[in-house]
PDB file of all heavy atoms in Angstrom:
ATOM      1  N   TYR A   1     223.040 252.608  95.400  1.00  0.00           N
ATOM      2  CA  TYR A   1     223.994 251.681  94.812  1.00  0.00           C
ATOM      3  C   TYR A   1     224.826 252.384  93.691  1.00  0.00           C
ATOM      4  O   TYR A   1     226.067 252.174  93.528  1.00  0.00           O
ATOM      5  CB  TYR A   1     223.137 250.573  94.192  1.00  0.00           C
ATOM      6  CG  TYR A   1     224.106 249.510  93.384  1.00  0.00           C
ATOM      7  CD1 TYR A   1     224.823 248.590  94.146  1.00  0.00           C
ATOM      8  CD2 TYR A   1     224.291 249.635  92.009  1.00  0.00           C
ATOM      9  CE1 TYR A   1     225.546 247.689  93.515  1.00  0.00           C
ATOM     10  CE2 TYR A   1     224.968 248.751  91.434  1.00  0.00           C
ATOM     11  CZ  TYR A   1     225.802 247.751  92.128  1.00  0.00           C
ATOM     12  OH  TYR A   1     226.542 246.995  91.501  1.00  0.00           O
ATOM     13  N   PHE A   2     224.161 253.477  93.154  1.00  0.00           N
ATOM     14  CA  PHE A   2     224.857 254.209  92.006  1.00  0.00           C
ATOM     15  C   PHE A   2     225.401 255.507  92.482  1.00  0.00           C
ATOM     16  O   PHE A   2     225.862 256.352  91.590  1.00  0.00           O
ATOM     17  CB  PHE A   2     223.886 254.346  90.911  1.00  0.00           C
ATOM     18  CG  PHE A   2     223.589 253.190  90.127  1.00  0.00           C
ATOM     19  CD1 PHE A   2     222.237 252.582  90.234  1.00  0.00           C
ATOM     20  CD2 PHE A   2     224.415 252.589  89.247  1.00  0.00           C
ATOM     21  CE1 PHE A   2     221.898 251.439  89.609  1.00  0.00           C
ATOM     22  CE2 PHE A   2     224.081 251.355  88.667  1.00  0.00           C
ATOM     23  CZ  PHE A   2     222.801 250.818  88.817  1.00  0.00           C
ATOM     24  N   PHE A   3     225.367 255.771  93.830  1.00  0.00           N
ATOM     25  CA  PHE A   3     225.811 257.111  94.271  1.00  0.00           C
ATOM     26  C   PHE A   3     227.290 257.488  93.990  1.00  0.00           C
ATOM     27  O   PHE A   3     227.647 258.634  94.119  1.00  0.00           O
ATOM     28  CB  PHE A   3     225.625 257.173  95.869  1.00  0.00           C
ATOM     29  CG  PHE A   3     224.238 257.835  96.144  1.00  0.00           C
ATOM     30  CD1 PHE A   3     223.207 257.917  95.214  1.00  0.00           C
ATOM     31  CD2 PHE A   3     223.903 258.140  97.392  1.00  0.00           C
ATOM     32  CE1 PHE A   3     221.965 258.484  95.552  1.00  0.00           C
ATOM     33  CE2 PHE A   3     222.707 258.688  97.861  1.00  0.00           C
ATOM     34  CZ  PHE A   3     221.694 258.764  96.822  1.00  0.00           C
ATOM     35  N   ASP A   4     228.170 256.560  93.633  1.00  0.00           N
ATOM     36  CA  ASP A   4     229.486 256.760  93.300  1.00  0.00           C
ATOM     37  C   ASP A   4     229.534 257.797  92.109  1.00  0.00           C
ATOM     38  O   ASP A   4     230.512 258.471  91.866  1.00  0.00           O
ATOM     39  CB  ASP A   4     230.332 255.493  92.835  1.00  0.00           C
ATOM     40  CG  ASP A   4     230.679 254.726  94.010  1.00  0.00           C
ATOM     41  OD1 ASP A   4     231.125 255.415  95.083  1.00  0.00           O
ATOM     42  OD2 ASP A   4     230.656 253.565  94.030  1.00  0.00           O
ATOM     43  N   TYR A   5     228.494 257.873  91.331  1.00  0.00           N
ATOM     44  CA  TYR A   5     228.390 258.666  90.147  1.00  0.00           C
ATOM     45  C   TYR A   5     228.113 260.227  90.550  1.00  0.00           C
ATOM     46  O   TYR A   5     228.137 261.027  89.737  1.00  0.00           O
ATOM     47  CB  TYR A   5     227.378 258.170  89.049  1.00  0.00           C
ATOM     48  CG  TYR A   5     227.865 256.894  88.484  1.00  0.00           C
ATOM     49  CD1 TYR A   5     227.318 255.747  88.751  1.00  0.00           C
ATOM     50  CD2 TYR A   5     228.962 257.063  87.587  1.00  0.00           C
ATOM     51  CE1 TYR A   5     227.700 254.555  88.153  1.00  0.00           C
ATOM     52  CE2 TYR A   5     229.396 255.779  86.898  1.00  0.00           C
ATOM     53  CZ  TYR A   5     228.738 254.576  87.295  1.00  0.00           C
ATOM     54  OH  TYR A   5     229.183 253.450  86.694  1.00  0.00           O
ATOM     55  N   LEU A   6     227.570 260.489  91.672  1.00  0.00           N
ATOM     56  CA  LEU A   6     227.182 261.738  92.137  1.00  0.00           C
ATOM     57  C   LEU A   6     228.419 262.608  92.792  1.00  0.00           C
ATOM     58  O   LEU A   6     229.310 261.882  93.346  1.00  0.00           O
ATOM     59  CB  LEU A   6     226.221 261.704  93.260  1.00  0.00           C
ATOM     60  CG  LEU A   6     224.679 261.299  92.866  1.00  0.00           C
ATOM     61  CD1 LEU A   6     223.843 261.340  94.057  1.00  0.00           C
ATOM     62  CD2 LEU A   6     224.176 262.306  91.789  1.00  0.00           C
ATOM     63  N   PRO A   7     228.487 263.707  92.586  1.00  0.00           N
ATOM     64  CA  PRO A   7     229.570 264.576  93.216  1.00  0.00           C
ATOM     65  C   PRO A   7     229.219 264.475  94.680  1.00  0.00           C
ATOM     66  O   PRO A   7     228.162 264.260  95.215  1.00  0.00           O
ATOM     67  CB  PRO A   7     229.253 266.032  92.757  1.00  0.00           C
ATOM     68  CG  PRO A   7     228.338 265.896  91.595  1.00  0.00           C
ATOM     69  CD  PRO A   7     227.514 264.626  91.615  1.00  0.00           C
ATOM     70  N   ALA A   8     230.328 264.459  95.467  1.00  0.00           N
ATOM     71  CA  ALA A   8     230.281 264.327  96.878  1.00  0.00           C
ATOM     72  C   ALA A   8     229.277 265.154  97.587  1.00  0.00           C
ATOM     73  O   ALA A   8     228.669 264.652  98.491  1.00  0.00           O
ATOM     74  CB  ALA A   8     231.750 264.562  97.647  1.00  0.00           C
ATOM     75  N   GLU A   9     229.240 266.370  97.318  1.00  0.00           N
ATOM     76  CA  GLU A   9     228.302 267.412  97.966  1.00  0.00           C
ATOM     77  C   GLU A   9     226.802 266.893  97.775  1.00  0.00           C
ATOM     78  O   GLU A   9     226.053 266.829  98.698  1.00  0.00           O
ATOM     79  CB  GLU A   9     228.600 268.775  97.520  1.00  0.00           C
ATOM     80  CG  GLU A   9     227.656 269.777  98.219  1.00  0.00           C
ATOM     81  CD  GLU A   9     228.016 271.187  97.731  1.00  0.00           C
ATOM     82  OE1 GLU A   9     229.239 271.540  97.830  1.00  0.00           O
ATOM     83  OE2 GLU A   9     227.000 271.791  97.363  1.00  0.00           O
ATOM     84  N   LEU A  10     226.532 266.589  96.511  1.00  0.00           N
ATOM     85  CA  LEU A  10     225.229 266.137  96.244  1.00  0.00           C
ATOM     86  C   LEU A  10     224.875 264.784  96.855  1.00  0.00           C
ATOM     87  O   LEU A  10     223.756 264.580  97.393  1.00  0.00           O
ATOM     88  CB  LEU A  10     224.939 266.032  94.792  1.00  0.00           C
ATOM     89  CG  LEU A  10     223.520 265.708  94.281  1.00  0.00           C
ATOM     90  CD1 LEU A  10     222.477 266.544  94.920  1.00  0.00           C
ATOM     91  CD2 LEU A  10     223.495 265.735  92.805  1.00  0.00           C
ATOM     92  N   ARG A  11     225.796 263.921  96.890  1.00  0.00           N
ATOM     93  CA  ARG A  11     225.660 262.544  97.569  1.00  0.00           C
ATOM     94  C   ARG A  11     225.418 262.772  98.978  1.00  0.00           C
ATOM     95  O   ARG A  11     224.425 262.089  99.461  1.00  0.00           O
ATOM     96  CB  ARG A  11     226.978 261.766  97.322  1.00  0.00           C
ATOM     97  CG  ARG A  11     226.838 260.367  97.881  1.00  0.00           C
ATOM     98  CD  ARG A  11     228.086 259.629  97.522  1.00  0.00           C
ATOM     99  NE  ARG A  11     229.350 260.172  97.725  1.00  0.00           N
ATOM    100  CZ  ARG A  11     230.261 260.388  96.647  1.00  0.00           C
ATOM    101  NH1 ARG A  11     230.055 259.901  95.491  1.00  0.00           N
ATOM    102  NH2 ARG A  11     231.408 261.021  96.822  1.00  0.00           N
ATOM    103  N   GLN A  12     226.062 263.638  99.641  1.00  0.00           N
ATOM    104  CA  GLN A  12     225.852 263.933 101.102  1.00  0.00           C
ATOM    105  C   GLN A  12     224.413 264.429 101.338  1.00  0.00           C
ATOM    106  O   GLN A  12     223.737 264.148 102.220  1.00  0.00           O
ATOM    107  CB  GLN A  12     226.952 264.918 101.698  1.00  0.00           C
ATOM    108  CG  GLN A  12     228.263 264.399 101.768  1.00  0.00           C
ATOM    109  CD  GLN A  12     228.370 263.259 102.757  1.00  0.00           C
ATOM    110  OE1 GLN A  12     228.113 262.101 102.476  1.00  0.00           O
ATOM    111  NE2 GLN A  12     228.763 263.527 103.975  1.00  0.00           N
ATOM    112  N   LYS A  13     224.015 265.422 100.436  1.00  0.00           N
ATOM    113  CA  LYS A  13     222.707 266.008 100.507  1.00  0.00           C
ATOM    114  C   LYS A  13     221.615 264.893 100.402  1.00  0.00           C
ATOM    115  O   LYS A  13     220.680 264.860 101.134  1.00  0.00           O
ATOM    116  CB  LYS A  13     222.432 267.020  99.568  1.00  0.00           C
ATOM    117  CG  LYS A  13     221.158 267.764  99.485  1.00  0.00           C
ATOM    118  CD  LYS A  13     221.012 268.646  98.411  1.00  0.00           C
ATOM    119  CE  LYS A  13     219.595 269.227  98.422  1.00  0.00           C
ATOM    120  NZ  LYS A  13     219.228 270.027  97.236  1.00  0.00           N
ATOM    121  N   ARG A  14     221.818 264.052  99.343  1.00  0.00           N
ATOM    122  CA  ARG A  14     220.865 262.932  99.182  1.00  0.00           C
ATOM    123  C   ARG A  14     220.729 261.876 100.344  1.00  0.00           C
ATOM    124  O   ARG A  14     219.693 261.482 100.722  1.00  0.00           O
ATOM    125  CB  ARG A  14     221.264 262.186  97.875  1.00  0.00           C
ATOM    126  CG  ARG A  14     220.831 263.005  96.615  1.00  0.00           C
ATOM    127  CD  ARG A  14     219.458 263.267  96.204  1.00  0.00           C
ATOM    128  NE  ARG A  14     218.809 262.024  96.058  1.00  0.00           N
ATOM    129  CZ  ARG A  14     217.922 261.418  96.784  1.00  0.00           C
ATOM    130  NH1 ARG A  14     217.479 262.011  97.807  1.00  0.00           N
ATOM    131  NH2 ARG A  14     217.486 260.242  96.426  1.00  0.00           N
ATOM    132  N   ILE A  15     221.919 261.679 100.845  1.00  0.00           N
ATOM    133  CA  ILE A  15     221.935 260.752 102.055  1.00  0.00           C
ATOM    134  C   ILE A  15     221.162 261.390 103.157  1.00  0.00           C
ATOM    135  O   ILE A  15     220.402 260.666 103.941  1.00  0.00           O
ATOM    136  CB  ILE A  15     223.364 260.328 102.479  1.00  0.00           C
ATOM    137  CG1 ILE A  15     224.031 259.409 101.338  1.00  0.00           C
ATOM    138  CG2 ILE A  15     223.397 259.519 103.777  1.00  0.00           C
ATOM    139  CD1 ILE A  15     225.462 259.099 101.480  1.00  0.00           C
ATOM    140  N   ALA A  16     221.410 262.681 103.437  1.00  0.00           N
ATOM    141  CA  ALA A  16     220.738 263.363 104.595  1.00  0.00           C
ATOM    142  C   ALA A  16     219.242 263.451 104.353  1.00  0.00           C
ATOM    143  O   ALA A  16     218.432 263.120 105.208  1.00  0.00           O
ATOM    144  CB  ALA A  16     221.260 264.768 104.631  1.00  0.00           C
ATOM    145  N   GLU A  17     218.794 263.522 102.974  1.00  0.00           N
ATOM    146  CA  GLU A  17     217.327 263.474 102.707  1.00  0.00           C
ATOM    147  C   GLU A  17     216.811 262.127 103.019  1.00  0.00           C
ATOM    148  O   GLU A  17     215.662 261.858 103.487  1.00  0.00           O
ATOM    149  CB  GLU A  17     217.110 263.827 101.273  1.00  0.00           C
ATOM    150  CG  GLU A  17     217.528 265.299 100.916  1.00  0.00           C
ATOM    151  CD  GLU A  17     217.523 265.488  99.465  1.00  0.00           C
ATOM    152  OE1 GLU A  17     217.559 264.606  98.629  1.00  0.00           O
ATOM    153  OE2 GLU A  17     217.552 266.637  99.006  1.00  0.00           O
ATOM    154  N   ILE A  18     217.536 261.070 102.629  1.00  0.00           N
ATOM    155  CA  ILE A  18     217.017 259.705 102.900  1.00  0.00           C
ATOM    156  C   ILE A  18     217.005 259.370 104.430  1.00  0.00           C
ATOM    157  O   ILE A  18     216.027 258.863 104.892  1.00  0.00           O
ATOM    158  CB  ILE A  18     217.897 258.616 102.193  1.00  0.00           C
ATOM    159  CG1 ILE A  18     217.706 258.873 100.691  1.00  0.00           C
ATOM    160  CG2 ILE A  18     217.535 257.229 102.516  1.00  0.00           C
ATOM    161  CD1 ILE A  18     218.726 258.115  99.696  1.00  0.00           C
ATOM    162  N   GLU A  19     217.960 259.912 105.169  1.00  0.00           N
ATOM    163  CA  GLU A  19     218.031 259.689 106.612  1.00  0.00           C
ATOM    164  C   GLU A  19     216.798 260.382 107.174  1.00  0.00           C
ATOM    165  O   GLU A  19     216.112 259.936 108.095  1.00  0.00           O
ATOM    166  CB  GLU A  19     219.242 260.478 107.131  1.00  0.00           C
ATOM    167  CG  GLU A  19     220.405 259.660 107.368  1.00  0.00           C
ATOM    168  CD  GLU A  19     221.581 260.479 108.013  1.00  0.00           C
ATOM    169  OE1 GLU A  19     221.790 261.620 107.621  1.00  0.00           O
ATOM    170  OE2 GLU A  19     222.192 259.898 108.931  1.00  0.00           O
ATOM    171  N   HIS A  20     216.454 261.690 106.736  1.00  0.00           N
ATOM    172  CA  HIS A  20     215.297 262.375 107.265  1.00  0.00           C
ATOM    173  C   HIS A  20     214.012 261.635 107.113  1.00  0.00           C
ATOM    174  O   HIS A  20     213.251 261.451 107.984  1.00  0.00           O
ATOM    175  CB  HIS A  20     215.176 263.724 106.682  1.00  0.00           C
ATOM    176  CG  HIS A  20     214.026 264.546 107.119  1.00  0.00           C
ATOM    177  ND1 HIS A  20     213.868 265.030 108.356  1.00  0.00           N
ATOM    178  CD2 HIS A  20     212.958 264.841 106.541  1.00  0.00           C
ATOM    179  CE1 HIS A  20     212.737 265.757 108.563  1.00  0.00           C
ATOM    180  NE2 HIS A  20     212.189 265.638 107.389  1.00  0.00           N
ATOM    181  N   LYS A  21     213.866 261.113 105.819  1.00  0.00           N
ATOM    182  CA  LYS A  21     212.675 260.295 105.479  1.00  0.00           C
ATOM    183  C   LYS A  21     212.617 259.017 106.399  1.00  0.00           C
ATOM    184  O   LYS A  21     211.504 258.631 106.871  1.00  0.00           O
ATOM    185  CB  LYS A  21     212.761 259.907 104.152  1.00  0.00           C
ATOM    186  CG  LYS A  21     211.373 259.331 103.521  1.00  0.00           C
ATOM    187  CD  LYS A  21     211.495 259.178 102.080  1.00  0.00           C
ATOM    188  CE  LYS A  21     210.149 258.619 101.482  1.00  0.00           C
ATOM    189  NZ  LYS A  21     210.143 258.397 100.013  1.00  0.00           N
ATOM    190  N   GLN A  22     213.737 258.399 106.615  1.00  0.00           N
ATOM    191  CA  GLN A  22     213.780 257.194 107.414  1.00  0.00           C
ATOM    192  C   GLN A  22     213.503 257.563 108.878  1.00  0.00           C
ATOM    193  O   GLN A  22     212.692 256.862 109.556  1.00  0.00           O
ATOM    194  CB  GLN A  22     215.135 256.498 107.381  1.00  0.00           C
ATOM    195  CG  GLN A  22     215.231 255.190 108.089  1.00  0.00           C
ATOM    196  CD  GLN A  22     214.339 254.099 107.487  1.00  0.00           C
ATOM    197  OE1 GLN A  22     214.524 253.827 106.270  1.00  0.00           O
ATOM    198  NE2 GLN A  22     213.506 253.525 108.338  1.00  0.00           N
ATOM    199  N   ALA A  23     213.951 258.750 109.367  1.00  0.00           N
ATOM    200  CA  ALA A  23     213.688 259.080 110.795  1.00  0.00           C
ATOM    201  C   ALA A  23     212.134 259.372 110.946  1.00  0.00           C
ATOM    202  O   ALA A  23     211.537 258.981 111.990  1.00  0.00           O
ATOM    203  CB  ALA A  23     214.522 260.288 111.096  1.00  0.00           C
ATOM    204  N   LEU A  24     211.479 259.893 109.960  1.00  0.00           N
ATOM    205  CA  LEU A  24     209.997 260.114 110.076  1.00  0.00           C
ATOM    206  C   LEU A  24     209.310 258.882 110.078  1.00  0.00           C
ATOM    207  O   LEU A  24     208.316 258.690 110.766  1.00  0.00           O
ATOM    208  CB  LEU A  24     209.710 261.039 108.769  1.00  0.00           C
ATOM    209  CG  LEU A  24     210.065 262.460 108.836  1.00  0.00           C
ATOM    210  CD1 LEU A  24     209.633 263.153 107.511  1.00  0.00           C
ATOM    211  CD2 LEU A  24     209.426 263.176 110.024  1.00  0.00           C
ATOM    212  N   ALA A  25     209.731 257.880 109.325  1.00  0.00           N
ATOM    213  CA  ALA A  25     209.060 256.599 109.195  1.00  0.00           C
ATOM    214  C   ALA A  25     209.197 255.836 110.630  1.00  0.00           C
ATOM    215  O   ALA A  25     208.309 255.273 111.059  1.00  0.00           O
ATOM    216  CB  ALA A  25     209.674 255.585 108.125  1.00  0.00           C
ATOM    217  N   ILE A  26     210.383 255.987 111.211  1.00  0.00           N
ATOM    218  CA  ILE A  26     210.621 255.391 112.595  1.00  0.00           C
ATOM    219  C   ILE A  26     209.621 256.200 113.595  1.00  0.00           C
ATOM    220  O   ILE A  26     209.102 255.359 114.395  1.00  0.00           O
ATOM    221  CB  ILE A  26     212.018 255.484 112.954  1.00  0.00           C
ATOM    222  CG1 ILE A  26     213.010 254.604 112.144  1.00  0.00           C
ATOM    223  CG2 ILE A  26     212.372 255.101 114.434  1.00  0.00           C
ATOM    224  CD1 ILE A  26     214.389 254.756 112.238  1.00  0.00           C
ATOM    225  N   HIS A  27     209.653 257.398 113.461  1.00  0.00           N
ATOM    226  CA  HIS A  27     208.818 258.105 114.461  1.00  0.00           C
ATOM    227  C   HIS A  27     207.313 257.755 114.290  1.00  0.00           C
ATOM    228  O   HIS A  27     206.582 257.469 115.268  1.00  0.00           O
ATOM    229  CB  HIS A  27     208.881 259.646 114.157  1.00  0.00           C
ATOM    230  CG  HIS A  27     207.961 260.486 115.029  1.00  0.00           C
ATOM    231  ND1 HIS A  27     208.300 260.588 116.416  1.00  0.00           N
ATOM    232  CD2 HIS A  27     206.854 261.198 114.787  1.00  0.00           C
ATOM    233  CE1 HIS A  27     207.327 261.394 117.045  1.00  0.00           C
ATOM    234  NE2 HIS A  27     206.460 261.728 116.010  1.00  0.00           N
ATOM    235  N   HIS A  28     206.881 257.479 113.028  1.00  0.00           N
ATOM    236  CA  HIS A  28     205.544 257.100 112.887  1.00  0.00           C
ATOM    237  C   HIS A  28     205.324 255.588 113.486  1.00  0.00           C
ATOM    238  O   HIS A  28     204.310 255.355 114.100  1.00  0.00           O
ATOM    239  CB  HIS A  28     205.184 256.994 111.346  1.00  0.00           C
ATOM    240  CG  HIS A  28     203.932 256.293 111.066  1.00  0.00           C
ATOM    241  ND1 HIS A  28     202.762 256.984 111.173  1.00  0.00           N
ATOM    242  CD2 HIS A  28     203.667 255.213 110.592  1.00  0.00           C
ATOM    243  CE1 HIS A  28     201.748 256.128 110.887  1.00  0.00           C
ATOM    244  NE2 HIS A  28     202.275 255.066 110.424  1.00  0.00           N
ATOM    245  N   LEU A  29     206.269 254.713 113.231  1.00  0.00           N
ATOM    246  CA  LEU A  29     206.177 253.434 113.769  1.00  0.00           C
ATOM    247  C   LEU A  29     206.122 253.456 115.332  1.00  0.00           C
ATOM    248  O   LEU A  29     205.514 252.706 116.098  1.00  0.00           O
ATOM    249  CB  LEU A  29     207.294 252.450 113.358  1.00  0.00           C
ATOM    250  CG  LEU A  29     207.200 252.034 111.833  1.00  0.00           C
ATOM    251  CD1 LEU A  29     208.340 251.282 111.477  1.00  0.00           C
ATOM    252  CD2 LEU A  29     205.833 251.380 111.597  1.00  0.00           C
ATOM    253  N   GLU A  30     206.981 254.312 115.933  1.00  0.00           N
ATOM    254  CA  GLU A  30     206.936 254.387 117.417  1.00  0.00           C
ATOM    255  C   GLU A  30     205.709 254.956 117.955  1.00  0.00           C
ATOM    256  O   GLU A  30     205.220 254.509 118.973  1.00  0.00           O
ATOM    257  CB  GLU A  30     208.150 255.421 117.906  1.00  0.00           C
ATOM    258  CG  GLU A  30     209.497 254.788 117.574  1.00  0.00           C
ATOM    259  CD  GLU A  30     210.711 255.874 117.742  1.00  0.00           C
ATOM    260  OE1 GLU A  30     210.424 256.955 117.711  1.00  0.00           O
ATOM    261  OE2 GLU A  30     211.798 255.345 117.948  1.00  0.00           O
ATOM    262  N   GLN A  31     205.063 255.913 117.234  1.00  0.00           N
ATOM    263  CA  GLN A  31     203.714 256.397 117.653  1.00  0.00           C
ATOM    264  C   GLN A  31     202.719 255.308 117.541  1.00  0.00           C
ATOM    265  O   GLN A  31     201.835 255.090 118.421  1.00  0.00           O
ATOM    266  CB  GLN A  31     203.349 257.601 116.812  1.00  0.00           C
ATOM    267  CG  GLN A  31     204.265 258.715 116.974  1.00  0.00           C
ATOM    268  CD  GLN A  31     204.390 259.186 118.496  1.00  0.00           C
ATOM    269  OE1 GLN A  31     203.348 259.359 119.158  1.00  0.00           O
ATOM    270  NE2 GLN A  31     205.611 259.372 118.918  1.00  0.00           N
TER     271      GLN A  31
END
């Protein structure tokens, strides 16, 4: 919600980290 305050490069990095964590959670649920 507050990512507008982050520099674009850091914002992209944080979104990628959240994506990775979400993908792991999905993989766990699929298993």
